[in-house]
């Protein structure tokens, strides 16, 4: 799946899609196109993240009391419920021995490591949390819990996203190449699959897209 094949499919069926989904897909495809046209991994990661965000994020009345992770987990559950071809399941477990396992073992995309560096917690605390997170991932692997594995993956990718978007990394810098590369590999497979599932299975997405088009 790539932008061209997904865009052709969207043109075929967009009149049959709920407006809520069609707008998300349209926006997500535009950013996927940017990612595929770019050769720089930093840019690819950013564009892929925006594409993903376009697909799942929605307006929340009271953001102070609503956890972003809850929105994400609910979205993943909705997708997996309607994913009759088990596309996400296949990606998660085909990719786990490769990019996902490497990402989950990388302390530089684990937020508590940076909390330790910023003296918010102790070294013992972050190391304990890191080992606990690895055990949680292994338990999810053992039970083939796709929602949990993907939620953990996106937690790590969110830390990487923050480093880039908030200026916590150097453009094309050498120190974060490994995690950027792994992040691009994972999102390059997950994002097109998510868009495909949304178009073809029409999950019951609750909430309006962020900044809906007004005439």
N, C-alpha and C. Protein backbone atom coordinates (compact mmCIF):
# COMPACT_ATOMS: atom_id res chain seq x y z
N UNK A 1 0.83 -1.20 0.00
CA UNK A 1 0.00 0.00 0.00
C UNK A 1 0.87 1.25 0.00
N UNK A 2 0.55 2.18 -0.90
CA UNK A 2 1.26 3.45 -0.93
C UNK A 2 0.26 4.55 -1.24
N UNK A 3 0.76 5.79 -1.33
CA UNK A 3 -0.14 6.93 -1.54
C UNK A 3 -0.97 6.76 -2.81
N UNK A 4 -0.34 6.41 -3.93
CA UNK A 4 -1.06 6.36 -5.20
C UNK A 4 -2.20 5.35 -5.18
N UNK A 5 -1.94 4.15 -4.67
CA UNK A 5 -3.01 3.14 -4.63
C UNK A 5 -4.11 3.53 -3.66
N UNK A 6 -3.74 4.10 -2.53
CA UNK A 6 -4.74 4.52 -1.55
C UNK A 6 -5.55 5.71 -2.06
N UNK A 7 -4.89 6.64 -2.76
CA UNK A 7 -5.59 7.80 -3.31
C UNK A 7 -6.59 7.37 -4.38
N UNK A 8 -6.19 6.43 -5.23
CA UNK A 8 -7.12 5.91 -6.24
C UNK A 8 -8.33 5.29 -5.58
N UNK A 9 -8.10 4.52 -4.52
CA UNK A 9 -9.21 3.89 -3.81
C UNK A 9 -10.11 4.94 -3.17
N UNK A 10 -9.53 5.99 -2.62
CA UNK A 10 -10.33 7.04 -2.00
C UNK A 10 -11.21 7.74 -3.03
N UNK A 11 -10.68 7.98 -4.22
CA UNK A 11 -11.48 8.62 -5.27
C UNK A 11 -12.69 7.76 -5.63
N UNK A 12 -12.49 6.44 -5.62
CA UNK A 12 -13.56 5.51 -5.99
C UNK A 12 -14.70 5.52 -4.97
N UNK A 13 -14.38 5.63 -3.70
CA UNK A 13 -15.40 5.38 -2.67
C UNK A 13 -15.69 6.57 -1.77
N UNK A 14 -15.04 7.72 -2.01
CA UNK A 14 -15.19 8.82 -1.04
C UNK A 14 -16.63 9.29 -0.88
N UNK A 15 -17.46 9.15 -1.94
CA UNK A 15 -18.85 9.59 -1.82
C UNK A 15 -19.66 8.65 -0.95
N UNK A 16 -19.15 7.47 -0.69
CA UNK A 16 -19.87 6.50 0.16
C UNK A 16 -19.38 6.53 1.60
N UNK A 17 -18.31 7.29 1.86
CA UNK A 17 -17.74 7.33 3.21
C UNK A 17 -18.44 8.36 4.07
N UNK A 18 -18.58 8.10 5.36
CA UNK A 18 -19.06 9.15 6.27
C UNK A 18 -18.11 10.35 6.18
N UNK A 19 -18.66 11.55 6.25
CA UNK A 19 -17.85 12.76 6.12
C UNK A 19 -16.72 12.78 7.15
N UNK A 20 -17.02 12.31 8.33
CA UNK A 20 -16.05 12.26 9.42
C UNK A 20 -14.79 11.49 9.00
N UNK A 21 -14.99 10.35 8.32
CA UNK A 21 -13.87 9.51 7.90
C UNK A 21 -13.22 10.04 6.64
N UNK A 22 -14.02 10.49 5.69
CA UNK A 22 -13.48 10.94 4.41
C UNK A 22 -12.52 12.12 4.59
N UNK A 23 -12.86 13.06 5.47
CA UNK A 23 -11.98 14.20 5.72
C UNK A 23 -10.67 13.75 6.36
N UNK A 24 -10.77 12.84 7.31
CA UNK A 24 -9.55 12.32 7.95
C UNK A 24 -8.65 11.64 6.91
N UNK A 25 -9.26 10.81 6.08
CA UNK A 25 -8.49 10.08 5.06
C UNK A 25 -7.86 11.05 4.07
N UNK A 26 -8.62 12.04 3.63
CA UNK A 26 -8.10 13.04 2.69
C UNK A 26 -6.87 13.74 3.26
N UNK A 27 -6.96 14.16 4.50
CA UNK A 27 -5.84 14.85 5.14
C UNK A 27 -4.66 13.90 5.35
N UNK A 28 -4.95 12.70 5.84
CA UNK A 28 -3.88 11.73 6.10
C UNK A 28 -3.14 11.38 4.81
N UNK A 29 -3.86 11.22 3.73
CA UNK A 29 -3.23 10.91 2.44
C UNK A 29 -2.31 12.03 1.97
N UNK A 30 -2.72 13.27 2.21
CA UNK A 30 -1.89 14.39 1.75
C UNK A 30 -0.53 14.39 2.43
N UNK A 31 -0.50 14.05 3.71
CA UNK A 31 0.77 14.01 4.45
C UNK A 31 1.56 12.74 4.15
N UNK A 32 0.85 11.64 3.87
CA UNK A 32 1.54 10.43 3.44
C UNK A 32 2.27 10.68 2.12
N UNK A 33 1.64 11.41 1.23
CA UNK A 33 2.26 11.77 -0.04
C UNK A 33 3.55 12.56 0.20
N UNK A 34 3.51 13.52 1.12
CA UNK A 34 4.72 14.30 1.46
C UNK A 34 5.82 13.39 1.96
N UNK A 35 5.46 12.44 2.84
CA UNK A 35 6.45 11.53 3.41
C UNK A 35 7.11 10.68 2.33
N UNK A 36 6.30 10.16 1.42
CA UNK A 36 6.83 9.27 0.39
C UNK A 36 7.72 10.00 -0.60
N UNK A 37 7.49 11.30 -0.77
CA UNK A 37 8.28 12.08 -1.72
C UNK A 37 9.59 12.58 -1.12
N UNK A 38 9.76 12.43 0.20
CA UNK A 38 10.92 12.99 0.86
C UNK A 38 11.96 11.92 1.15
N UNK A 39 13.22 12.23 0.92
CA UNK A 39 14.30 11.26 1.14
C UNK A 39 14.95 11.40 2.52
N UNK A 40 14.63 12.46 3.24
CA UNK A 40 15.25 12.68 4.54
C UNK A 40 14.41 12.02 5.63
N UNK A 41 15.05 11.22 6.50
CA UNK A 41 14.31 10.46 7.51
C UNK A 41 13.64 11.36 8.55
N UNK A 42 14.28 12.46 8.92
CA UNK A 42 13.64 13.38 9.87
C UNK A 42 12.31 13.88 9.30
N UNK A 43 12.36 14.34 8.04
CA UNK A 43 11.16 14.85 7.39
C UNK A 43 10.12 13.74 7.21
N UNK A 44 10.58 12.56 6.81
CA UNK A 44 9.67 11.44 6.65
C UNK A 44 8.92 11.14 7.95
N UNK A 45 9.67 11.09 9.05
CA UNK A 45 9.03 10.78 10.34
C UNK A 45 7.98 11.83 10.68
N UNK A 46 8.33 13.10 10.54
CA UNK A 46 7.39 14.17 10.88
C UNK A 46 6.13 14.09 10.02
N UNK A 47 6.31 13.91 8.70
CA UNK A 47 5.15 13.85 7.80
C UNK A 47 4.30 12.61 8.08
N UNK A 48 4.95 11.48 8.38
CA UNK A 48 4.19 10.28 8.71
C UNK A 48 3.42 10.45 10.01
N UNK A 49 4.04 11.13 10.98
CA UNK A 49 3.32 11.36 12.24
C UNK A 49 2.11 12.25 12.02
N UNK A 50 2.25 13.31 11.22
CA UNK A 50 1.12 14.19 10.94
C UNK A 50 0.02 13.41 10.21
N UNK A 51 0.42 12.54 9.29
CA UNK A 51 -0.56 11.71 8.60
C UNK A 51 -1.33 10.84 9.59
N UNK A 52 -0.61 10.20 10.49
CA UNK A 52 -1.25 9.38 11.52
C UNK A 52 -2.16 10.22 12.40
N UNK A 53 -1.68 11.39 12.80
CA UNK A 53 -2.47 12.26 13.67
C UNK A 53 -3.74 12.72 12.96
N UNK A 54 -3.64 12.97 11.66
CA UNK A 54 -4.81 13.37 10.88
C UNK A 54 -5.88 12.29 10.89
N UNK A 55 -5.44 11.03 10.94
CA UNK A 55 -6.38 9.92 10.92
C UNK A 55 -7.10 9.73 12.24
N UNK A 56 -6.40 9.89 13.36
CA UNK A 56 -7.01 9.48 14.63
C UNK A 56 -7.45 10.61 15.55
N UNK A 57 -6.81 11.76 15.48
CA UNK A 57 -7.11 12.81 16.47
C UNK A 57 -8.48 13.42 16.24
N UNK A 58 -9.09 13.86 17.33
CA UNK A 58 -10.36 14.56 17.19
C UNK A 58 -10.50 15.62 18.26
N UNK A 59 -11.49 16.47 18.07
CA UNK A 59 -11.72 17.54 19.03
C UNK A 59 -12.19 16.97 20.36
N UNK A 60 -11.58 17.44 21.43
CA UNK A 60 -11.94 17.02 22.79
C UNK A 60 -12.38 18.25 23.57
N UNK A 61 -13.56 18.18 24.15
CA UNK A 61 -14.13 19.36 24.80
C UNK A 61 -13.26 19.85 25.96
N UNK A 62 -12.76 18.95 26.77
CA UNK A 62 -11.96 19.34 27.92
C UNK A 62 -10.64 18.60 27.88
N UNK A 63 -9.64 19.16 27.21
CA UNK A 63 -8.36 18.50 27.02
C UNK A 63 -7.60 18.35 28.34
N UNK A 64 -7.92 19.18 29.33
CA UNK A 64 -7.19 19.10 30.59
C UNK A 64 -7.43 17.78 31.31
N UNK A 65 -8.61 17.18 31.08
CA UNK A 65 -8.98 15.98 31.81
C UNK A 65 -9.12 14.76 30.91
N UNK A 66 -8.55 14.83 29.73
CA UNK A 66 -8.65 13.71 28.80
C UNK A 66 -7.26 13.34 28.33
N UNK A 67 -6.88 12.11 28.55
CA UNK A 67 -5.54 11.65 28.23
C UNK A 67 -5.44 11.33 26.74
N UNK A 68 -4.40 11.84 26.10
CA UNK A 68 -4.17 11.56 24.67
C UNK A 68 -4.02 10.07 24.42
N UNK A 69 -3.37 9.38 25.36
CA UNK A 69 -3.16 7.94 25.18
C UNK A 69 -4.49 7.19 25.12
N UNK A 70 -5.48 7.66 25.87
CA UNK A 70 -6.78 7.01 25.85
C UNK A 70 -7.44 7.13 24.48
N UNK A 71 -7.30 8.31 23.86
CA UNK A 71 -7.82 8.51 22.51
C UNK A 71 -7.17 7.53 21.55
N UNK A 72 -5.85 7.40 21.66
CA UNK A 72 -5.10 6.52 20.77
C UNK A 72 -5.50 5.07 20.95
N UNK A 73 -5.56 4.60 22.20
CA UNK A 73 -5.89 3.21 22.46
C UNK A 73 -7.31 2.89 21.97
N UNK A 74 -8.25 3.80 22.20
CA UNK A 74 -9.61 3.59 21.70
C UNK A 74 -9.63 3.49 20.18
N UNK A 75 -8.84 4.34 19.53
CA UNK A 75 -8.75 4.32 18.07
C UNK A 75 -8.19 2.99 17.57
N UNK A 76 -7.12 2.51 18.20
CA UNK A 76 -6.54 1.23 17.81
C UNK A 76 -7.53 0.09 18.00
N UNK A 77 -8.28 0.12 19.09
CA UNK A 77 -9.28 -0.92 19.33
C UNK A 77 -10.35 -0.92 18.24
N UNK A 78 -10.81 0.27 17.86
CA UNK A 78 -11.82 0.37 16.80
C UNK A 78 -11.30 -0.21 15.49
N UNK A 79 -10.04 0.11 15.16
CA UNK A 79 -9.47 -0.40 13.92
C UNK A 79 -9.35 -1.92 13.94
N UNK A 80 -8.87 -2.47 15.06
CA UNK A 80 -8.68 -3.91 15.15
C UNK A 80 -10.01 -4.66 15.13
N UNK A 81 -11.06 -4.03 15.65
CA UNK A 81 -12.38 -4.66 15.64
C UNK A 81 -12.90 -4.88 14.23
N UNK A 82 -12.59 -3.95 13.32
CA UNK A 82 -13.13 -4.05 11.96
C UNK A 82 -12.10 -4.56 10.95
N UNK A 83 -10.87 -4.80 11.39
CA UNK A 83 -9.79 -5.22 10.51
C UNK A 83 -9.92 -6.70 10.20
N UNK A 84 -10.86 -7.04 9.32
CA UNK A 84 -11.16 -8.44 9.05
C UNK A 84 -10.00 -9.17 8.39
N UNK A 85 -9.15 -8.46 7.68
CA UNK A 85 -7.99 -9.09 7.04
C UNK A 85 -6.79 -9.20 7.99
N UNK A 86 -6.94 -8.70 9.22
CA UNK A 86 -5.87 -8.74 10.24
C UNK A 86 -4.58 -8.07 9.73
N UNK A 87 -4.77 -6.95 9.04
CA UNK A 87 -3.63 -6.23 8.48
C UNK A 87 -2.70 -5.71 9.56
N UNK A 88 -3.27 -5.04 10.57
CA UNK A 88 -2.45 -4.50 11.65
C UNK A 88 -1.81 -5.61 12.48
N UNK A 89 -2.57 -6.65 12.70
CA UNK A 89 -2.04 -7.81 13.43
C UNK A 89 -0.80 -8.35 12.72
N UNK A 90 -0.92 -8.51 11.40
CA UNK A 90 0.20 -9.04 10.63
C UNK A 90 1.42 -8.14 10.68
N UNK A 91 1.18 -6.83 10.56
CA UNK A 91 2.30 -5.88 10.60
C UNK A 91 2.98 -5.92 11.96
N UNK A 92 2.17 -5.89 13.03
CA UNK A 92 2.73 -5.85 14.38
C UNK A 92 3.64 -7.05 14.64
N UNK A 93 3.20 -8.23 14.25
CA UNK A 93 3.95 -9.42 14.60
C UNK A 93 5.01 -9.77 13.57
N UNK A 94 4.81 -9.35 12.32
CA UNK A 94 5.89 -9.52 11.33
C UNK A 94 7.04 -8.58 11.64
N UNK A 95 6.70 -7.39 12.12
CA UNK A 95 7.70 -6.36 12.34
C UNK A 95 8.33 -6.45 13.72
N UNK A 96 7.72 -7.20 14.64
CA UNK A 96 8.20 -7.19 16.02
C UNK A 96 9.66 -7.64 16.16
N UNK A 97 10.09 -8.69 15.47
CA UNK A 97 11.50 -9.10 15.64
C UNK A 97 12.48 -8.08 15.05
N UNK A 98 11.96 -7.11 14.30
CA UNK A 98 12.84 -6.16 13.62
C UNK A 98 12.76 -4.80 14.30
N UNK A 99 12.11 -3.85 13.65
CA UNK A 99 12.13 -2.46 14.11
C UNK A 99 11.46 -2.27 15.47
N UNK A 100 10.37 -2.98 15.73
CA UNK A 100 9.65 -2.76 16.98
C UNK A 100 10.49 -3.20 18.18
N UNK A 101 11.09 -4.36 18.09
CA UNK A 101 11.91 -4.83 19.21
C UNK A 101 13.08 -3.88 19.47
N UNK A 102 13.69 -3.40 18.40
CA UNK A 102 14.80 -2.44 18.55
C UNK A 102 14.31 -1.16 19.21
N UNK A 103 13.14 -0.69 18.80
CA UNK A 103 12.60 0.55 19.35
C UNK A 103 12.32 0.40 20.85
N UNK A 104 11.73 -0.72 21.24
CA UNK A 104 11.36 -0.92 22.64
C UNK A 104 12.59 -1.10 23.53
N UNK A 105 13.73 -1.44 22.94
CA UNK A 105 14.96 -1.60 23.72
C UNK A 105 15.81 -0.34 23.74
N UNK A 106 15.34 0.70 23.10
CA UNK A 106 16.11 1.93 22.96
C UNK A 106 15.70 2.93 24.06
N UNK A 107 16.62 3.19 24.99
CA UNK A 107 16.29 4.08 26.12
C UNK A 107 16.03 5.51 25.68
N UNK A 108 16.52 5.90 24.51
CA UNK A 108 16.40 7.28 24.07
C UNK A 108 15.00 7.64 23.59
N UNK A 109 14.12 6.66 23.46
CA UNK A 109 12.72 6.97 23.14
C UNK A 109 11.82 6.57 24.32
N UNK A 110 12.42 6.44 25.50
CA UNK A 110 11.67 6.12 26.71
C UNK A 110 11.63 7.39 27.56
N UNK A 111 10.44 7.96 27.73
CA UNK A 111 10.32 9.28 28.33
C UNK A 111 10.91 9.36 29.73
N UNK A 112 10.81 8.28 30.50
CA UNK A 112 11.33 8.33 31.87
C UNK A 112 12.86 8.45 31.91
N UNK A 113 13.52 8.00 30.85
CA UNK A 113 14.96 8.21 30.78
C UNK A 113 15.26 9.71 30.74
N UNK A 114 14.48 10.46 29.99
CA UNK A 114 14.69 11.90 29.89
C UNK A 114 14.24 12.60 31.17
N UNK A 115 13.24 12.03 31.84
CA UNK A 115 12.85 12.58 33.15
C UNK A 115 14.02 12.45 34.13
N UNK A 116 14.74 11.33 34.03
CA UNK A 116 15.93 11.16 34.88
C UNK A 116 17.01 12.18 34.49
N UNK A 117 17.23 12.36 33.20
CA UNK A 117 18.24 13.31 32.75
C UNK A 117 17.90 14.73 33.20
N UNK A 118 16.61 15.02 33.31
CA UNK A 118 16.16 16.34 33.78
C UNK A 118 15.96 16.39 35.29
N UNK A 119 16.45 15.35 35.98
CA UNK A 119 16.46 15.28 37.44
C UNK A 119 15.05 15.29 38.06
N UNK A 120 14.09 14.74 37.32
CA UNK A 120 12.73 14.62 37.85
C UNK A 120 12.56 13.32 38.63
N UNK A 121 13.32 12.30 38.25
CA UNK A 121 13.30 11.03 38.97
C UNK A 121 14.75 10.54 39.11
N UNK A 122 14.94 9.51 39.92
CA UNK A 122 16.30 9.00 40.16
C UNK A 122 16.70 8.00 39.08
N UNK A 123 17.98 7.68 39.06
CA UNK A 123 18.47 6.69 38.10
C UNK A 123 17.83 5.33 38.37
N UNK A 124 17.70 4.95 39.64
CA UNK A 124 17.07 3.67 39.98
C UNK A 124 15.62 3.63 39.49
N UNK A 125 14.93 4.76 39.62
CA UNK A 125 13.52 4.80 39.22
C UNK A 125 13.35 4.59 37.72
N UNK A 126 14.14 5.30 36.92
CA UNK A 126 13.96 5.17 35.47
C UNK A 126 14.37 3.77 35.00
N UNK A 127 15.43 3.21 35.62
CA UNK A 127 15.86 1.87 35.22
C UNK A 127 14.81 0.82 35.59
N UNK A 128 14.20 0.99 36.75
CA UNK A 128 13.12 0.08 37.16
C UNK A 128 11.94 0.17 36.18
N UNK A 129 11.56 1.40 35.83
CA UNK A 129 10.45 1.61 34.91
C UNK A 129 10.76 1.05 33.53
N UNK A 130 11.99 1.19 33.10
CA UNK A 130 12.41 0.68 31.79
C UNK A 130 12.31 -0.84 31.75
N UNK A 131 12.80 -1.50 32.80
CA UNK A 131 12.73 -2.96 32.86
C UNK A 131 11.28 -3.42 32.96
N UNK A 132 10.47 -2.69 33.72
CA UNK A 132 9.05 -3.04 33.83
C UNK A 132 8.33 -2.92 32.49
N UNK A 133 8.70 -1.89 31.73
CA UNK A 133 8.10 -1.70 30.41
C UNK A 133 8.49 -2.83 29.46
N UNK A 134 9.74 -3.29 29.57
CA UNK A 134 10.19 -4.41 28.73
C UNK A 134 9.40 -5.68 29.07
N UNK A 135 9.18 -5.90 30.37
CA UNK A 135 8.41 -7.07 30.80
C UNK A 135 6.98 -6.99 30.29
N UNK A 136 6.39 -5.78 30.37
CA UNK A 136 5.03 -5.58 29.88
C UNK A 136 4.94 -5.88 28.39
N UNK A 137 5.95 -5.44 27.64
CA UNK A 137 5.98 -5.71 26.20
C UNK A 137 6.12 -7.20 25.93
N UNK A 138 6.95 -7.88 26.70
CA UNK A 138 7.13 -9.32 26.53
C UNK A 138 5.84 -10.07 26.86
N UNK A 139 5.12 -9.62 27.89
CA UNK A 139 3.84 -10.24 28.23
C UNK A 139 2.83 -10.05 27.10
N UNK A 140 2.84 -8.85 26.52
CA UNK A 140 1.94 -8.58 25.39
C UNK A 140 2.32 -9.45 24.20
N UNK A 141 3.62 -9.66 24.03
CA UNK A 141 4.09 -10.54 22.95
C UNK A 141 3.61 -11.96 23.19
N UNK A 142 3.75 -12.42 24.42
CA UNK A 142 3.37 -13.80 24.73
C UNK A 142 1.88 -14.06 24.55
N UNK A 143 1.06 -13.05 24.82
CA UNK A 143 -0.39 -13.20 24.68
C UNK A 143 -0.90 -12.69 23.35
N UNK A 144 0.01 -12.27 22.47
CA UNK A 144 -0.35 -11.72 21.15
C UNK A 144 -1.36 -10.58 21.28
N UNK A 145 -1.10 -9.70 22.26
CA UNK A 145 -1.99 -8.56 22.53
C UNK A 145 -1.60 -7.40 21.61
N UNK A 146 -2.23 -7.34 20.45
CA UNK A 146 -1.85 -6.37 19.43
C UNK A 146 -2.10 -4.94 19.88
N UNK A 147 -3.23 -4.69 20.55
CA UNK A 147 -3.53 -3.33 21.02
C UNK A 147 -2.44 -2.85 21.96
N UNK A 148 -2.05 -3.70 22.90
CA UNK A 148 -1.06 -3.30 23.89
C UNK A 148 0.30 -3.05 23.24
N UNK A 149 0.71 -3.94 22.34
CA UNK A 149 1.99 -3.75 21.66
C UNK A 149 2.00 -2.45 20.88
N UNK A 150 0.95 -2.20 20.11
CA UNK A 150 0.90 -0.98 19.31
C UNK A 150 0.84 0.27 20.19
N UNK A 151 0.13 0.18 21.31
CA UNK A 151 0.06 1.33 22.23
C UNK A 151 1.45 1.63 22.80
N UNK A 152 2.19 0.58 23.16
CA UNK A 152 3.56 0.77 23.68
C UNK A 152 4.45 1.39 22.60
N UNK A 153 4.32 0.87 21.38
CA UNK A 153 5.11 1.40 20.27
C UNK A 153 4.83 2.89 20.06
N UNK A 154 3.56 3.26 20.06
CA UNK A 154 3.23 4.66 19.83
C UNK A 154 3.63 5.55 21.01
N UNK A 155 3.69 4.98 22.21
CA UNK A 155 4.25 5.73 23.35
C UNK A 155 5.69 6.13 23.06
N UNK A 156 6.46 5.17 22.55
CA UNK A 156 7.86 5.44 22.24
C UNK A 156 7.98 6.44 21.08
N UNK A 157 7.17 6.22 20.07
CA UNK A 157 7.21 7.13 18.91
C UNK A 157 6.78 8.54 19.30
N UNK A 158 5.90 8.64 20.29
CA UNK A 158 5.46 9.96 20.73
C UNK A 158 6.61 10.72 21.39
N UNK A 159 7.45 10.01 22.15
CA UNK A 159 8.64 10.65 22.72
C UNK A 159 9.57 11.14 21.61
N UNK A 160 9.75 10.32 20.60
CA UNK A 160 10.59 10.70 19.45
C UNK A 160 9.97 11.89 18.72
N UNK A 161 8.68 11.86 18.57
CA UNK A 161 7.96 12.98 17.95
C UNK A 161 8.20 14.27 18.72
N UNK A 162 8.13 14.21 20.04
CA UNK A 162 8.35 15.41 20.86
C UNK A 162 9.76 15.95 20.71
N UNK A 163 10.74 15.05 20.63
CA UNK A 163 12.12 15.49 20.46
C UNK A 163 12.27 16.32 19.19
N UNK A 164 11.64 15.88 18.12
CA UNK A 164 11.75 16.59 16.85
C UNK A 164 10.91 17.87 16.82
N UNK A 165 9.64 17.74 17.17
CA UNK A 165 8.72 18.87 17.03
C UNK A 165 9.06 20.00 18.00
N UNK A 166 9.56 19.67 19.19
CA UNK A 166 9.86 20.70 20.19
C UNK A 166 11.32 21.13 20.18
N UNK A 167 12.02 20.80 19.11
CA UNK A 167 13.39 21.28 18.97
C UNK A 167 14.40 20.59 19.85
N UNK A 168 14.10 19.36 20.26
CA UNK A 168 15.02 18.63 21.13
C UNK A 168 16.00 17.74 20.38
N UNK A 169 16.12 17.98 19.08
CA UNK A 169 17.06 17.20 18.27
C UNK A 169 17.58 18.08 17.14
N UNK A 170 18.73 17.71 16.62
CA UNK A 170 19.33 18.42 15.51
C UNK A 170 18.87 17.81 14.19
N UNK A 171 18.53 18.67 13.23
CA UNK A 171 18.13 18.19 11.91
C UNK A 171 19.24 17.30 11.33
N UNK A 172 18.85 16.08 10.96
CA UNK A 172 19.77 15.14 10.34
C UNK A 172 20.97 14.82 11.25
N UNK A 173 20.75 14.96 12.57
CA UNK A 173 21.83 14.71 13.52
C UNK A 173 22.19 13.24 13.60
N UNK A 174 23.43 12.98 13.97
CA UNK A 174 23.92 11.60 14.00
C UNK A 174 23.49 10.86 15.26
N UNK A 175 23.18 11.58 16.35
CA UNK A 175 22.95 10.90 17.63
C UNK A 175 21.60 10.17 17.70
N UNK A 176 20.65 10.54 16.85
CA UNK A 176 19.34 9.88 16.94
C UNK A 176 18.97 9.13 15.67
N UNK A 177 19.97 8.82 14.82
CA UNK A 177 19.67 8.16 13.55
C UNK A 177 19.00 6.81 13.73
N UNK A 178 19.44 6.05 14.72
CA UNK A 178 18.91 4.69 14.89
C UNK A 178 17.41 4.71 15.19
N UNK A 179 17.00 5.55 16.15
CA UNK A 179 15.59 5.58 16.50
C UNK A 179 14.73 6.23 15.42
N UNK A 180 15.29 7.22 14.74
CA UNK A 180 14.53 7.83 13.64
C UNK A 180 14.30 6.81 12.53
N UNK A 181 15.34 6.06 12.19
CA UNK A 181 15.22 5.05 11.15
C UNK A 181 14.18 4.00 11.53
N UNK A 182 14.23 3.52 12.77
CA UNK A 182 13.26 2.52 13.20
C UNK A 182 11.84 3.10 13.20
N UNK A 183 11.72 4.36 13.64
CA UNK A 183 10.40 5.00 13.65
C UNK A 183 9.83 5.12 12.25
N UNK A 184 10.65 5.50 11.30
CA UNK A 184 10.21 5.62 9.91
C UNK A 184 9.79 4.25 9.36
N UNK A 185 10.58 3.22 9.66
CA UNK A 185 10.25 1.87 9.18
C UNK A 185 8.89 1.42 9.70
N UNK A 186 8.62 1.69 10.97
CA UNK A 186 7.35 1.26 11.58
C UNK A 186 6.18 2.07 11.03
N UNK A 187 6.31 3.40 11.03
CA UNK A 187 5.20 4.25 10.57
C UNK A 187 4.93 4.07 9.08
N UNK A 188 5.98 3.78 8.30
CA UNK A 188 5.79 3.59 6.86
C UNK A 188 4.91 2.38 6.56
N UNK A 189 4.85 1.45 7.49
CA UNK A 189 3.98 0.29 7.32
C UNK A 189 2.63 0.49 7.99
N UNK A 190 2.63 1.12 9.16
CA UNK A 190 1.38 1.25 9.91
C UNK A 190 0.44 2.30 9.32
N UNK A 191 0.98 3.44 8.94
CA UNK A 191 0.11 4.54 8.51
C UNK A 191 -0.70 4.19 7.26
N UNK A 192 -0.08 3.67 6.18
CA UNK A 192 -0.91 3.28 5.03
C UNK A 192 -1.96 2.22 5.38
N UNK A 193 -1.59 1.29 6.26
CA UNK A 193 -2.55 0.25 6.66
C UNK A 193 -3.73 0.86 7.41
N UNK A 194 -3.47 1.81 8.28
CA UNK A 194 -4.53 2.47 9.02
C UNK A 194 -5.48 3.20 8.07
N UNK A 195 -4.92 3.92 7.11
CA UNK A 195 -5.76 4.63 6.13
C UNK A 195 -6.60 3.64 5.33
N UNK A 196 -5.99 2.54 4.92
CA UNK A 196 -6.71 1.51 4.16
C UNK A 196 -7.88 0.95 4.96
N UNK A 197 -7.65 0.63 6.22
CA UNK A 197 -8.71 0.08 7.07
C UNK A 197 -9.83 1.09 7.25
N UNK A 198 -9.48 2.35 7.44
CA UNK A 198 -10.50 3.38 7.63
C UNK A 198 -11.40 3.51 6.40
N UNK A 199 -10.80 3.43 5.22
CA UNK A 199 -11.59 3.56 3.99
C UNK A 199 -12.47 2.35 3.75
N UNK A 200 -11.93 1.17 3.95
CA UNK A 200 -12.61 -0.04 3.53
C UNK A 200 -13.49 -0.67 4.59
N UNK A 201 -13.27 -0.32 5.84
CA UNK A 201 -14.05 -0.93 6.92
C UNK A 201 -14.88 0.06 7.72
N UNK A 202 -14.66 1.36 7.51
CA UNK A 202 -15.46 2.42 8.12
C UNK A 202 -15.67 2.21 9.63
N UNK A 203 -14.60 2.24 10.42
CA UNK A 203 -14.75 2.07 11.87
C UNK A 203 -15.62 3.18 12.46
N UNK A 204 -16.26 2.88 13.57
CA UNK A 204 -17.16 3.84 14.22
C UNK A 204 -16.32 4.82 15.04
N UNK A 205 -15.86 5.88 14.38
CA UNK A 205 -15.01 6.86 15.04
C UNK A 205 -15.88 7.93 15.70
N UNK A 206 -15.66 8.10 16.99
CA UNK A 206 -16.43 9.07 17.76
C UNK A 206 -15.64 10.37 17.84
N UNK A 207 -16.31 11.48 17.57
CA UNK A 207 -15.64 12.78 17.66
C UNK A 207 -15.32 13.36 16.30
N UNK A 208 -15.42 14.67 16.19
CA UNK A 208 -15.15 15.35 14.95
C UNK A 208 -13.64 15.50 14.74
N UNK A 209 -13.20 15.53 13.47
CA UNK A 209 -11.77 15.78 13.21
C UNK A 209 -11.37 17.15 13.78
N UNK A 210 -10.11 17.29 14.12
CA UNK A 210 -9.63 18.59 14.58
C UNK A 210 -9.78 19.61 13.46
N UNK A 211 -10.26 20.80 13.80
CA UNK A 211 -10.41 21.88 12.84
C UNK A 211 -11.19 21.42 11.59
N UNK A 212 -12.46 21.03 11.77
CA UNK A 212 -13.25 20.59 10.61
C UNK A 212 -13.43 21.75 9.62
N UNK A 213 -13.57 21.39 8.36
CA UNK A 213 -13.72 22.40 7.30
C UNK A 213 -15.06 23.10 7.46
N UNK A 214 -15.04 24.42 7.48
CA UNK A 214 -16.28 25.20 7.59
C UNK A 214 -16.41 26.10 6.36
N UNK A 215 -17.62 26.21 5.86
CA UNK A 215 -17.86 27.06 4.69
C UNK A 215 -18.63 28.29 5.10
